[in-house]
Amino acid sequence: MRAALLILALAFAGSAIAGGNAEKGKAKAAQVCAACHGADGAKPVAPENPILAGQYADYIVKALSDYKSGKRANPVMKAFAEQLSKQDIDDVAAWFSGQKSSLHFQR
């Protein structure tokens, strides 16, 4: 039983460590995302563009991966997501998830 719990704990620890690099994500977001979502993802240029700042990293990863694969249909987002590697997606998600926004209460 203890061995199973240890294996499970190590599996979750590994996935947490495998997250993105926010600084690299900031640079990639400036190249790919900022024109529509704003520099920090908090001020989109149009109301139909979502706020990305403060969004959960796993949600951003899932959304970008789905745009890239075609699971989510949006030709503009698909074109941008196709440019991103898996690491780029993780990095961008790390950057935006760490930014402040009106998505949640800021203390």
N, C-alpha and C. Protein backbone atom coordinates (compact mmCIF):
# COMPACT_ATOMS: atom_id res chain seq x y z
N MET A 1 0.82 -1.19 0.00
CA MET A 1 0.00 0.00 0.00
C MET A 1 0.88 1.26 0.00
N ARG A 2 1.89 1.29 0.85
CA ARG A 2 2.77 2.46 0.91
C ARG A 2 3.51 2.66 -0.40
N ALA A 3 3.92 1.56 -1.00
CA ALA A 3 4.64 1.65 -2.28
C ALA A 3 3.74 2.26 -3.35
N ALA A 4 2.47 1.86 -3.36
CA ALA A 4 1.53 2.41 -4.34
C ALA A 4 1.33 3.90 -4.12
N LEU A 5 1.21 4.32 -2.88
CA LEU A 5 1.05 5.74 -2.58
C LEU A 5 2.30 6.52 -2.96
N LEU A 6 3.47 5.95 -2.73
CA LEU A 6 4.71 6.62 -3.10
C LEU A 6 4.81 6.79 -4.61
N ILE A 7 4.46 5.75 -5.34
CA ILE A 7 4.49 5.82 -6.81
C ILE A 7 3.51 6.89 -7.30
N LEU A 8 2.33 6.91 -6.73
CA LEU A 8 1.32 7.90 -7.11
C LEU A 8 1.81 9.32 -6.80
N ALA A 9 2.40 9.51 -5.63
CA ALA A 9 2.92 10.83 -5.25
C ALA A 9 4.03 11.27 -6.19
N LEU A 10 4.92 10.36 -6.55
CA LEU A 10 6.00 10.71 -7.47
C LEU A 10 5.47 11.04 -8.86
N ALA A 11 4.42 10.36 -9.28
CA ALA A 11 3.83 10.64 -10.59
C ALA A 11 3.28 12.06 -10.63
N PHE A 12 2.58 12.47 -9.58
CA PHE A 12 2.03 13.82 -9.53
C PHE A 12 3.13 14.86 -9.40
N ALA A 13 4.16 14.57 -8.64
CA ALA A 13 5.28 15.50 -8.49
C ALA A 13 5.96 15.72 -9.83
N GLY A 14 6.14 14.69 -10.59
CA GLY A 14 6.77 14.81 -11.90
C GLY A 14 5.98 15.67 -12.84
N SER A 15 4.66 15.55 -12.82
CA SER A 15 3.85 16.37 -13.71
C SER A 15 3.87 17.83 -13.29
N ALA A 16 3.98 18.12 -12.01
CA ALA A 16 4.06 19.50 -11.55
C ALA A 16 5.38 20.13 -11.97
N ILE A 17 6.45 19.36 -11.91
CA ILE A 17 7.77 19.86 -12.30
C ILE A 17 7.84 20.09 -13.80
N ALA A 18 7.08 19.32 -14.57
CA ALA A 18 7.15 19.39 -16.03
C ALA A 18 6.45 20.62 -16.60
N GLY A 19 5.99 21.55 -15.76
CA GLY A 19 5.28 22.72 -16.23
C GLY A 19 6.14 23.64 -17.08
N GLY A 20 5.53 24.72 -17.52
CA GLY A 20 6.22 25.63 -18.42
C GLY A 20 7.08 26.65 -17.72
N ASN A 21 7.85 27.34 -18.52
CA ASN A 21 8.73 28.41 -18.06
C ASN A 21 8.04 29.74 -18.39
N ALA A 22 7.64 30.45 -17.35
CA ALA A 22 6.87 31.68 -17.54
C ALA A 22 7.64 32.75 -18.31
N GLU A 23 8.94 32.87 -18.08
CA GLU A 23 9.72 33.88 -18.80
C GLU A 23 9.79 33.59 -20.29
N LYS A 24 9.98 32.33 -20.63
CA LYS A 24 9.95 31.95 -22.05
C LYS A 24 8.55 32.15 -22.62
N GLY A 25 7.54 31.86 -21.79
CA GLY A 25 6.16 32.05 -22.21
C GLY A 25 5.84 33.51 -22.47
N LYS A 26 6.40 34.39 -21.66
CA LYS A 26 6.21 35.84 -21.86
C LYS A 26 6.74 36.26 -23.23
N ALA A 27 7.93 35.78 -23.57
CA ALA A 27 8.53 36.12 -24.87
C ALA A 27 7.71 35.56 -26.03
N LYS A 28 7.25 34.32 -25.90
CA LYS A 28 6.46 33.70 -26.97
C LYS A 28 5.10 34.39 -27.08
N ALA A 29 4.49 34.73 -25.96
CA ALA A 29 3.19 35.41 -25.97
C ALA A 29 3.30 36.77 -26.64
N ALA A 30 4.42 37.46 -26.44
CA ALA A 30 4.62 38.75 -27.09
C ALA A 30 4.65 38.60 -28.60
N GLN A 31 5.17 37.49 -29.08
CA GLN A 31 5.25 37.23 -30.53
C GLN A 31 3.93 36.76 -31.11
N VAL A 32 3.19 35.94 -30.37
CA VAL A 32 2.05 35.22 -30.94
C VAL A 32 0.69 35.69 -30.41
N CYS A 33 0.60 36.06 -29.15
CA CYS A 33 -0.70 36.26 -28.50
C CYS A 33 -1.09 37.71 -28.24
N ALA A 34 -0.09 38.56 -28.02
CA ALA A 34 -0.34 39.91 -27.52
C ALA A 34 -1.19 40.78 -28.45
N ALA A 35 -1.10 40.58 -29.74
CA ALA A 35 -1.84 41.42 -30.68
C ALA A 35 -3.35 41.34 -30.45
N CYS A 36 -3.84 40.19 -30.03
CA CYS A 36 -5.29 40.03 -29.82
C CYS A 36 -5.69 40.02 -28.35
N HIS A 37 -4.81 39.50 -27.48
CA HIS A 37 -5.17 39.31 -26.07
C HIS A 37 -4.52 40.33 -25.14
N GLY A 38 -3.68 41.21 -25.66
CA GLY A 38 -2.98 42.18 -24.84
C GLY A 38 -1.66 41.62 -24.34
N ALA A 39 -0.75 42.49 -23.96
CA ALA A 39 0.61 42.10 -23.58
C ALA A 39 0.64 41.08 -22.45
N ASP A 40 -0.23 41.28 -21.45
CA ASP A 40 -0.24 40.34 -20.32
C ASP A 40 -1.49 39.46 -20.33
N GLY A 41 -2.27 39.55 -21.40
CA GLY A 41 -3.47 38.72 -21.52
C GLY A 41 -4.68 39.25 -20.79
N ALA A 42 -4.57 40.42 -20.19
CA ALA A 42 -5.66 40.96 -19.38
C ALA A 42 -6.55 41.96 -20.13
N LYS A 43 -6.07 42.45 -21.28
CA LYS A 43 -6.83 43.47 -22.01
C LYS A 43 -6.91 43.13 -23.50
N PRO A 44 -7.83 42.21 -23.84
CA PRO A 44 -8.00 41.87 -25.25
C PRO A 44 -8.41 43.09 -26.07
N VAL A 45 -8.04 43.09 -27.34
CA VAL A 45 -8.35 44.23 -28.21
C VAL A 45 -9.80 44.22 -28.70
N ALA A 46 -10.48 43.10 -28.57
CA ALA A 46 -11.88 42.99 -29.00
C ALA A 46 -12.65 42.16 -27.97
N PRO A 47 -13.93 42.45 -27.80
CA PRO A 47 -14.71 41.75 -26.78
C PRO A 47 -14.82 40.24 -27.00
N GLU A 48 -14.69 39.79 -28.23
CA GLU A 48 -14.78 38.35 -28.50
C GLU A 48 -13.49 37.59 -28.17
N ASN A 49 -12.41 38.33 -27.90
CA ASN A 49 -11.15 37.70 -27.51
C ASN A 49 -11.14 37.53 -25.99
N PRO A 50 -10.91 36.33 -25.52
CA PRO A 50 -10.99 36.10 -24.07
C PRO A 50 -9.80 36.67 -23.31
N ILE A 51 -10.04 36.93 -22.04
CA ILE A 51 -8.98 37.30 -21.11
C ILE A 51 -8.21 36.02 -20.79
N LEU A 52 -6.90 36.05 -20.97
CA LEU A 52 -6.07 34.88 -20.68
C LEU A 52 -5.35 35.02 -19.34
N ALA A 53 -5.11 36.24 -18.91
CA ALA A 53 -4.42 36.47 -17.64
C ALA A 53 -5.23 35.89 -16.49
N GLY A 54 -4.54 35.13 -15.63
CA GLY A 54 -5.20 34.54 -14.48
C GLY A 54 -5.95 33.26 -14.77
N GLN A 55 -5.99 32.85 -16.02
CA GLN A 55 -6.67 31.60 -16.38
C GLN A 55 -5.82 30.42 -15.89
N TYR A 56 -6.46 29.31 -15.58
CA TYR A 56 -5.72 28.12 -15.16
C TYR A 56 -4.81 27.65 -16.28
N ALA A 57 -3.57 27.32 -15.93
CA ALA A 57 -2.58 26.87 -16.92
C ALA A 57 -3.07 25.63 -17.66
N ASP A 58 -3.66 24.67 -16.94
CA ASP A 58 -4.10 23.45 -17.62
C ASP A 58 -5.22 23.73 -18.62
N TYR A 59 -6.04 24.73 -18.34
CA TYR A 59 -7.09 25.11 -19.30
C TYR A 59 -6.46 25.69 -20.57
N ILE A 60 -5.47 26.55 -20.40
CA ILE A 60 -4.80 27.15 -21.57
C ILE A 60 -4.11 26.07 -22.40
N VAL A 61 -3.44 25.15 -21.73
CA VAL A 61 -2.78 24.04 -22.43
C VAL A 61 -3.79 23.24 -23.22
N LYS A 62 -4.91 22.91 -22.59
CA LYS A 62 -5.95 22.11 -23.27
C LYS A 62 -6.52 22.88 -24.46
N ALA A 63 -6.85 24.15 -24.25
CA ALA A 63 -7.44 24.94 -25.33
C ALA A 63 -6.49 25.07 -26.51
N LEU A 64 -5.23 25.42 -26.25
CA LEU A 64 -4.27 25.56 -27.35
C LEU A 64 -4.01 24.24 -28.05
N SER A 65 -3.93 23.17 -27.29
CA SER A 65 -3.73 21.84 -27.88
C SER A 65 -4.92 21.46 -28.75
N ASP A 66 -6.12 21.79 -28.30
CA ASP A 66 -7.33 21.49 -29.08
C ASP A 66 -7.41 22.34 -30.34
N TYR A 67 -7.01 23.60 -30.26
CA TYR A 67 -6.96 24.43 -31.48
C TYR A 67 -5.95 23.86 -32.46
N LYS A 68 -4.80 23.47 -31.94
CA LYS A 68 -3.73 22.94 -32.79
C LYS A 68 -4.16 21.66 -33.50
N SER A 69 -4.86 20.78 -32.78
CA SER A 69 -5.29 19.50 -33.36
C SER A 69 -6.55 19.62 -34.21
N GLY A 70 -7.27 20.72 -34.07
CA GLY A 70 -8.52 20.89 -34.80
C GLY A 70 -9.75 20.47 -34.00
N LYS A 71 -9.55 20.01 -32.76
CA LYS A 71 -10.68 19.65 -31.91
C LYS A 71 -11.56 20.86 -31.61
N ARG A 72 -10.94 22.01 -31.47
CA ARG A 72 -11.67 23.27 -31.32
C ARG A 72 -11.55 23.99 -32.65
N ALA A 73 -12.68 24.47 -33.14
CA ALA A 73 -12.71 25.09 -34.46
C ALA A 73 -12.66 26.61 -34.37
N ASN A 74 -11.55 27.16 -34.81
CA ASN A 74 -11.38 28.59 -34.96
C ASN A 74 -10.16 28.76 -35.86
N PRO A 75 -10.38 29.18 -37.10
CA PRO A 75 -9.26 29.24 -38.04
C PRO A 75 -8.12 30.16 -37.61
N VAL A 76 -8.44 31.26 -36.95
CA VAL A 76 -7.39 32.18 -36.50
C VAL A 76 -6.55 31.51 -35.41
N MET A 77 -7.22 30.95 -34.41
CA MET A 77 -6.50 30.31 -33.31
C MET A 77 -5.75 29.07 -33.80
N LYS A 78 -6.31 28.34 -34.72
CA LYS A 78 -5.61 27.17 -35.26
C LYS A 78 -4.30 27.59 -35.91
N ALA A 79 -4.33 28.66 -36.69
CA ALA A 79 -3.12 29.14 -37.36
C ALA A 79 -2.04 29.53 -36.34
N PHE A 80 -2.44 30.19 -35.27
CA PHE A 80 -1.46 30.57 -34.24
C PHE A 80 -0.98 29.35 -33.46
N ALA A 81 -1.91 28.47 -33.06
CA ALA A 81 -1.54 27.30 -32.26
C ALA A 81 -0.64 26.34 -33.02
N GLU A 82 -0.80 26.27 -34.32
CA GLU A 82 0.04 25.37 -35.13
C GLU A 82 1.51 25.78 -35.07
N GLN A 83 1.78 27.03 -34.78
CA GLN A 83 3.16 27.53 -34.69
C GLN A 83 3.84 27.11 -33.38
N LEU A 84 3.05 26.67 -32.41
CA LEU A 84 3.57 26.42 -31.07
C LEU A 84 3.94 24.96 -30.85
N SER A 85 5.09 24.73 -30.25
CA SER A 85 5.47 23.38 -29.83
C SER A 85 4.75 23.07 -28.51
N LYS A 86 4.83 21.85 -28.05
CA LYS A 86 4.24 21.48 -26.77
C LYS A 86 4.88 22.32 -25.66
N GLN A 87 6.20 22.51 -25.73
CA GLN A 87 6.89 23.31 -24.72
C GLN A 87 6.45 24.77 -24.78
N ASP A 88 6.27 25.30 -26.00
CA ASP A 88 5.76 26.67 -26.14
C ASP A 88 4.40 26.82 -25.46
N ILE A 89 3.54 25.85 -25.68
CA ILE A 89 2.20 25.87 -25.09
C ILE A 89 2.30 25.86 -23.56
N ASP A 90 3.13 24.99 -23.01
CA ASP A 90 3.33 24.95 -21.56
C ASP A 90 3.88 26.28 -21.04
N ASP A 91 4.82 26.85 -21.78
CA ASP A 91 5.43 28.12 -21.36
C ASP A 91 4.42 29.27 -21.39
N VAL A 92 3.65 29.37 -22.46
CA VAL A 92 2.64 30.42 -22.58
C VAL A 92 1.59 30.26 -21.48
N ALA A 93 1.19 29.03 -21.20
CA ALA A 93 0.22 28.77 -20.14
C ALA A 93 0.77 29.20 -18.78
N ALA A 94 2.05 28.92 -18.54
CA ALA A 94 2.67 29.33 -17.28
C ALA A 94 2.69 30.86 -17.16
N TRP A 95 2.98 31.54 -18.26
CA TRP A 95 3.01 33.01 -18.24
C TRP A 95 1.63 33.58 -17.95
N PHE A 96 0.64 33.21 -18.74
CA PHE A 96 -0.69 33.81 -18.58
C PHE A 96 -1.33 33.45 -17.24
N SER A 97 -1.12 32.23 -16.77
CA SER A 97 -1.75 31.83 -15.51
C SER A 97 -1.21 32.62 -14.32
N GLY A 98 -0.01 33.16 -14.46
CA GLY A 98 0.58 33.94 -13.38
C GLY A 98 0.27 35.43 -13.42
N GLN A 99 -0.48 35.87 -14.41
CA GLN A 99 -0.80 37.29 -14.55
C GLN A 99 -2.09 37.63 -13.82
N LYS A 100 -2.18 38.84 -13.32
CA LYS A 100 -3.39 39.30 -12.63
C LYS A 100 -4.45 39.72 -13.63
N SER A 101 -5.70 39.45 -13.28
CA SER A 101 -6.80 39.85 -14.13
C SER A 101 -8.08 39.93 -13.33
N SER A 102 -9.15 40.28 -14.00
CA SER A 102 -10.46 40.34 -13.37
C SER A 102 -11.14 38.98 -13.33
N LEU A 103 -10.44 37.91 -13.75
CA LEU A 103 -11.04 36.58 -13.74
C LEU A 103 -11.27 36.06 -12.33
N HIS A 104 -10.48 36.54 -11.39
CA HIS A 104 -10.63 36.09 -10.01
C HIS A 104 -10.28 37.22 -9.07
N PHE A 105 -10.68 37.06 -7.84
CA PHE A 105 -10.44 38.07 -6.83
C PHE A 105 -8.95 38.15 -6.52
N GLN A 106 -8.42 39.35 -6.55
CA GLN A 106 -7.00 39.57 -6.26
C GLN A 106 -6.86 40.04 -4.81
N ARG A 107 -6.02 39.38 -4.06
CA ARG A 107 -5.78 39.79 -2.66
C ARG A 107 -4.54 40.62 -2.57
